[in-house]
Amino acid sequence: MAASTSPTATIAERTLIIERVFDAPRALVFKAWTEPERLVRWWGPQGFTMPSCKMDARPGGAFRFCMRSPEGTDHWLRGVYSEIAEPERLVCTWAWEDAEGKPGHETLLTVTFAEHGAKTKLTLHQAVFETVTARNGHQEGWASALDRLAEYLAKV
């Protein structure tokens, strides 16, 4: 089995870390992640919409989102927030749901927001994926979503 599809790949190989600097104040970038009316404006890869966004952004609170692809396919995900330290950090579980609503493999998502002059440095850490292939798919999705976040922040 190739390393990219092997669950025996190292933890480091199955961990995703993305750093991005946004031309917006930290408080605004944090709100874009924790306020549903903002989140629906940018969440998901290019071309996706978010027809359902239920979230209780507090420690112990849960979220459940539906992302709809340009072809009309719905992708459901859910998680539970374990930490929200405004405007510095949020931590939650992350799991895709199958067609019956049963969660799949769960990862831990940590997003930190650091002041970077008048800008914000966001660091996204998600682990541990089942395979390197799964990590790579999320890397592409997050990169596209973060492009959308930058576009949203430029308009508000």
C-alpha atoms as a PDB file:
ATOM      1  CA  MET A   1       0.000   0.000   0.000  1.00  0.00           C
ATOM      2  CA  ALA A   2       1.384   3.399  -0.954  1.00  0.00           C
ATOM      3  CA  ALA A   3       2.254   5.847   1.842  1.00  0.00           C
ATOM      4  CA  SER A   4      -0.384   8.289   0.611  1.00  0.00           C
ATOM      5  CA  THR A   5      -3.214   5.810   1.205  1.00  0.00           C
ATOM      6  CA  SER A   6      -1.694   3.943   4.117  1.00  0.00           C
ATOM      7  CA  PRO A   7      -3.060   4.498   7.611  1.00  0.00           C
ATOM      8  CA  THR A   8       0.435   3.564   8.842  1.00  0.00           C
ATOM      9  CA  ALA A   9       1.971   6.757   7.477  1.00  0.00           C
ATOM     10  CA  THR A  10       3.517   8.788  10.281  1.00  0.00           C
ATOM     11  CA  ILE A  11       1.424  11.199  12.315  1.00  0.00           C
ATOM     12  CA  ALA A  12       3.433  14.089  10.830  1.00  0.00           C
ATOM     13  CA  GLU A  13       2.569  12.881   7.314  1.00  0.00           C
ATOM     14  CA  ARG A  14      -1.138  12.758   8.251  1.00  0.00           C
ATOM     15  CA  THR A  15      -1.158  16.244   9.851  1.00  0.00           C
ATOM     16  CA  LEU A  16      -2.154  19.382   7.985  1.00  0.00           C
ATOM     17  CA  ILE A  17      -0.702  22.788   8.843  1.00  0.00           C
ATOM     18  CA  ILE A  18      -1.548  25.891   6.837  1.00  0.00           C
ATOM     19  CA  GLU A  19      -0.393  29.422   7.648  1.00  0.00           C
ATOM     20  CA  ARG A  20      -1.932  32.440   6.001  1.00  0.00           C
ATOM     21  CA  VAL A  21      -1.762  36.202   6.585  1.00  0.00           C
ATOM     22  CA  PHE A  22      -4.993  38.137   6.071  1.00  0.00           C
ATOM     23  CA  ASP A  23      -5.227  41.869   5.513  1.00  0.00           C
ATOM     24  CA  ALA A  24      -7.782  42.319   8.305  1.00  0.00           C
ATOM     25  CA  PRO A  25      -7.751  42.815  12.065  1.00  0.00           C
ATOM     26  CA  ARG A  26      -7.617  39.722  14.242  1.00  0.00           C
ATOM     27  CA  ALA A  27     -11.035  40.359  15.848  1.00  0.00           C
ATOM     28  CA  LEU A  28     -12.714  40.398  12.427  1.00  0.00           C
ATOM     29  CA  VAL A  29     -10.967  37.237  11.208  1.00  0.00           C
ATOM     30  CA  PHE A  30     -11.977  35.466  14.426  1.00  0.00           C
ATOM     31  CA  LYS A  31     -15.608  36.565  14.002  1.00  0.00           C
ATOM     32  CA  ALA A  32     -15.584  35.249  10.439  1.00  0.00           C
ATOM     33  CA  TRP A  33     -14.968  31.794  11.961  1.00  0.00           C
ATOM     34  CA  THR A  34     -17.402  32.011  14.867  1.00  0.00           C
ATOM     35  CA  GLU A  35     -20.443  33.955  13.645  1.00  0.00           C
ATOM     36  CA  PRO A  36     -22.752  31.939  11.366  1.00  0.00           C
ATOM     37  CA  GLU A  37     -23.880  34.963   9.340  1.00  0.00           C
ATOM     38  CA  ARG A  38     -20.227  35.584   8.427  1.00  0.00           C
ATOM     39  CA  LEU A  39     -19.201  31.941   8.039  1.00  0.00           C
ATOM     40  CA  VAL A  40     -21.809  31.211   5.347  1.00  0.00           C
ATOM     41  CA  ARG A  41     -20.315  33.980   3.195  1.00  0.00           C
ATOM     42  CA  TRP A  42     -16.962  32.224   2.677  1.00  0.00           C
ATOM     43  CA  TRP A  43     -16.971  28.624   3.953  1.00  0.00           C
ATOM     44  CA  GLY A  44     -16.023  25.842   1.564  1.00  0.00           C
ATOM     45  CA  PRO A  45     -14.022  25.600  -1.623  1.00  0.00           C
ATOM     46  CA  GLN A  46     -14.630  27.951  -4.556  1.00  0.00           C
ATOM     47  CA  GLY A  47     -18.072  27.385  -6.052  1.00  0.00           C
ATOM     48  CA  PHE A  48     -19.536  25.767  -2.934  1.00  0.00           C
ATOM     49  CA  THR A  49     -22.426  27.205  -0.943  1.00  0.00           C
ATOM     50  CA  MET A  50     -23.503  26.580   2.638  1.00  0.00           C
ATOM     51  CA  PRO A  51     -27.273  25.988   2.732  1.00  0.00           C
ATOM     52  CA  SER A  52     -27.212  24.902   6.383  1.00  0.00           C
ATOM     53  CA  CYS A  53     -25.047  26.331   9.179  1.00  0.00           C
ATOM     54  CA  LYS A  54     -25.954  25.456  12.746  1.00  0.00           C
ATOM     55  CA  MET A  55     -23.376  26.392  15.351  1.00  0.00           C
ATOM     56  CA  ASP A  56     -23.105  27.041  19.053  1.00  0.00           C
ATOM     57  CA  ALA A  57     -19.640  28.617  19.248  1.00  0.00           C
ATOM     58  CA  ARG A  58     -18.741  27.997  22.893  1.00  0.00           C
ATOM     59  CA  PRO A  59     -16.779  25.281  24.687  1.00  0.00           C
ATOM     60  CA  GLY A  60     -18.974  22.189  24.617  1.00  0.00           C
ATOM     61  CA  GLY A  61     -21.142  23.668  21.850  1.00  0.00           C
ATOM     62  CA  ALA A  62     -21.579  21.834  18.578  1.00  0.00           C
ATOM     63  CA  PHE A  63     -21.773  22.684  14.897  1.00  0.00           C
ATOM     64  CA  ARG A  64     -23.279  20.974  11.872  1.00  0.00           C
ATOM     65  CA  PHE A  65     -22.754  22.357   8.388  1.00  0.00           C
ATOM     66  CA  CYS A  66     -23.861  21.412   4.904  1.00  0.00           C
ATOM     67  CA  MET A  67     -21.637  22.409   2.018  1.00  0.00           C
ATOM     68  CA  ARG A  68     -23.176  22.109  -1.445  1.00  0.00           C
ATOM     69  CA  SER A  69     -20.901  21.532  -4.412  1.00  0.00           C
ATOM     70  CA  PRO A  70     -21.447  23.360  -7.714  1.00  0.00           C
ATOM     71  CA  GLU A  71     -22.936  20.085  -9.019  1.00  0.00           C
ATOM     72  CA  GLY A  72     -25.506  20.080  -6.195  1.00  0.00           C
ATOM     73  CA  THR A  73     -23.982  17.374  -4.003  1.00  0.00           C
ATOM     74  CA  ASP A  74     -24.387  17.989  -0.265  1.00  0.00           C
ATOM     75  CA  HIS A  75     -21.442  17.334   2.077  1.00  0.00           C
ATOM     76  CA  TRP A  76     -22.307  17.321   5.794  1.00  0.00           C
ATOM     77  CA  LEU A  77     -19.843  17.786   8.618  1.00  0.00           C
ATOM     78  CA  ARG A  78     -20.083  18.172  12.340  1.00  0.00           C
ATOM     79  CA  GLY A  79     -17.994  18.783  15.406  1.00  0.00           C
ATOM     80  CA  VAL A  80     -17.842  19.966  18.979  1.00  0.00           C
ATOM     81  CA  TYR A  81     -15.926  23.015  20.201  1.00  0.00           C
ATOM     82  CA  SER A  82     -13.551  22.253  23.061  1.00  0.00           C
ATOM     83  CA  GLU A  83     -11.931  25.681  23.264  1.00  0.00           C
ATOM     84  CA  ILE A  84     -12.827  29.177  22.141  1.00  0.00           C
ATOM     85  CA  ALA A  85     -10.465  31.908  23.312  1.00  0.00           C
ATOM     86  CA  GLU A  86     -11.592  35.075  21.547  1.00  0.00           C
ATOM     87  CA  PRO A  87      -9.821  36.393  19.466  1.00  0.00           C
ATOM     88  CA  GLU A  88      -6.848  34.043  19.698  1.00  0.00           C
ATOM     89  CA  ARG A  89      -7.830  30.423  19.208  1.00  0.00           C
ATOM     90  CA  LEU A  90     -10.526  27.909  18.517  1.00  0.00           C
ATOM     91  CA  VAL A  91     -10.367  24.140  18.828  1.00  0.00           C
ATOM     92  CA  CYS A  92     -12.986  21.644  17.697  1.00  0.00           C
ATOM     93  CA  THR A  93     -13.480  18.133  16.477  1.00  0.00           C
ATOM     94  CA  TRP A  94     -14.221  17.675  12.769  1.00  0.00           C
ATOM     95  CA  ALA A  95     -16.009  14.737  11.128  1.00  0.00           C
ATOM     96  CA  TRP A  96     -17.730  14.271   7.783  1.00  0.00           C
ATOM     97  CA  GLU A  97     -21.093  12.511   7.912  1.00  0.00           C
ATOM     98  CA  ASP A  98     -22.235   9.716   5.625  1.00  0.00           C
ATOM     99  CA  ALA A  99     -25.605   9.676   3.851  1.00  0.00           C
ATOM    100  CA  GLU A 100     -27.299   8.366   7.022  1.00  0.00           C
ATOM    101  CA  GLY A 101     -25.848  11.144   9.178  1.00  0.00           C
ATOM    102  CA  LYS A 102     -23.289   8.926  10.905  1.00  0.00           C
ATOM    103  CA  PRO A 103     -19.935  10.666  11.481  1.00  0.00           C
ATOM    104  CA  GLY A 104     -16.836   9.268   9.879  1.00  0.00           C
ATOM    105  CA  HIS A 105     -13.205   9.579  10.940  1.00  0.00           C
ATOM    106  CA  GLU A 106     -12.745  12.448  13.385  1.00  0.00           C
ATOM    107  CA  THR A 107      -9.866  14.908  13.391  1.00  0.00           C
ATOM    108  CA  LEU A 108      -8.992  17.764  15.724  1.00  0.00           C
ATOM    109  CA  LEU A 109      -8.982  21.234  14.174  1.00  0.00           C
ATOM    110  CA  THR A 110      -7.073  24.055  15.874  1.00  0.00           C
ATOM    111  CA  VAL A 111      -7.106  27.552  14.397  1.00  0.00           C
ATOM    112  CA  THR A 112      -5.004  30.317  15.919  1.00  0.00           C
ATOM    113  CA  PHE A 113      -5.218  34.018  15.139  1.00  0.00           C
ATOM    114  CA  ALA A 114      -2.133  36.149  15.806  1.00  0.00           C
ATOM    115  CA  GLU A 115      -1.688  39.876  15.318  1.00  0.00           C
ATOM    116  CA  HIS A 116       0.705  40.534  12.464  1.00  0.00           C
ATOM    117  CA  GLY A 117       0.970  44.314  12.451  1.00  0.00           C
ATOM    118  CA  ALA A 118      -2.423  45.498  11.215  1.00  0.00           C
ATOM    119  CA  LYS A 119      -2.976  42.072   9.659  1.00  0.00           C
ATOM    120  CA  THR A 120      -3.760  38.628  11.073  1.00  0.00           C
ATOM    121  CA  LYS A 121      -1.671  35.492  10.815  1.00  0.00           C
ATOM    122  CA  LEU A 122      -3.949  32.452  10.838  1.00  0.00           C
ATOM    123  CA  THR A 123      -2.519  29.018  11.538  1.00  0.00           C
ATOM    124  CA  LEU A 124      -4.725  26.022  10.826  1.00  0.00           C
ATOM    125  CA  HIS A 125      -3.686  22.669  12.303  1.00  0.00           C
ATOM    126  CA  GLN A 126      -5.782  19.577  11.591  1.00  0.00           C
ATOM    127  CA  ALA A 127      -4.874  16.046  12.637  1.00  0.00           C
ATOM    128  CA  VAL A 128      -4.725  13.159  12.522  1.00  0.00           C
ATOM    129  CA  PHE A 129      -6.073  12.126   9.130  1.00  0.00           C
ATOM    130  CA  GLU A 130      -6.522   8.475   8.241  1.00  0.00           C
ATOM    131  CA  THR A 131      -4.248   8.806   5.217  1.00  0.00           C
ATOM    132  CA  VAL A 132      -1.959  11.267   3.484  1.00  0.00           C
ATOM    133  CA  THR A 133      -4.450  11.295   0.598  1.00  0.00           C
ATOM    134  CA  ALA A 134      -7.202  12.473   2.961  1.00  0.00           C
ATOM    135  CA  ARG A 135      -4.860  15.162   4.318  1.00  0.00           C
ATOM    136  CA  ASN A 136      -4.018  16.318   0.801  1.00  0.00           C
ATOM    137  CA  GLY A 137      -7.697  16.578  -0.122  1.00  0.00           C
ATOM    138  CA  HIS A 138      -8.335  18.746   2.912  1.00  0.00           C
ATOM    139  CA  GLN A 139      -5.295  20.873   2.098  1.00  0.00           C
ATOM    140  CA  GLU A 140      -6.780  21.677  -1.317  1.00  0.00           C
ATOM    141  CA  GLY A 141     -10.216  22.382   0.170  1.00  0.00           C
ATOM    142  CA  TRP A 142      -8.874  24.603   2.952  1.00  0.00           C
ATOM    143  CA  ALA A 143      -6.617  26.526   0.537  1.00  0.00           C
ATOM    144  CA  SER A 144      -9.628  27.334  -1.631  1.00  0.00           C
ATOM    145  CA  ALA A 145     -11.811  28.212   1.370  1.00  0.00           C
ATOM    146  CA  LEU A 146      -9.114  30.498   2.772  1.00  0.00           C
ATOM    147  CA  ASP A 147      -8.947  32.253  -0.610  1.00  0.00           C
ATOM    148  CA  ARG A 148     -12.688  32.860  -0.230  1.00  0.00           C
ATOM    149  CA  LEU A 149     -12.138  34.112   3.319  1.00  0.00           C
ATOM    150  CA  ALA A 150      -9.585  36.642   2.039  1.00  0.00           C
ATOM    151  CA  GLU A 151     -12.107  37.821  -0.574  1.00  0.00           C
ATOM    152  CA  TYR A 152     -14.826  38.143   2.065  1.00  0.00           C
ATOM    153  CA  LEU A 153     -12.562  40.071   4.466  1.00  0.00           C
ATOM    154  CA  ALA A 154     -11.625  42.496   1.682  1.00  0.00           C
ATOM    155  CA  LYS A 155     -15.319  43.402   1.263  1.00  0.00           C
ATOM    156  CA  VAL A 156     -16.302  43.972   4.923  1.00  0.00           C
END
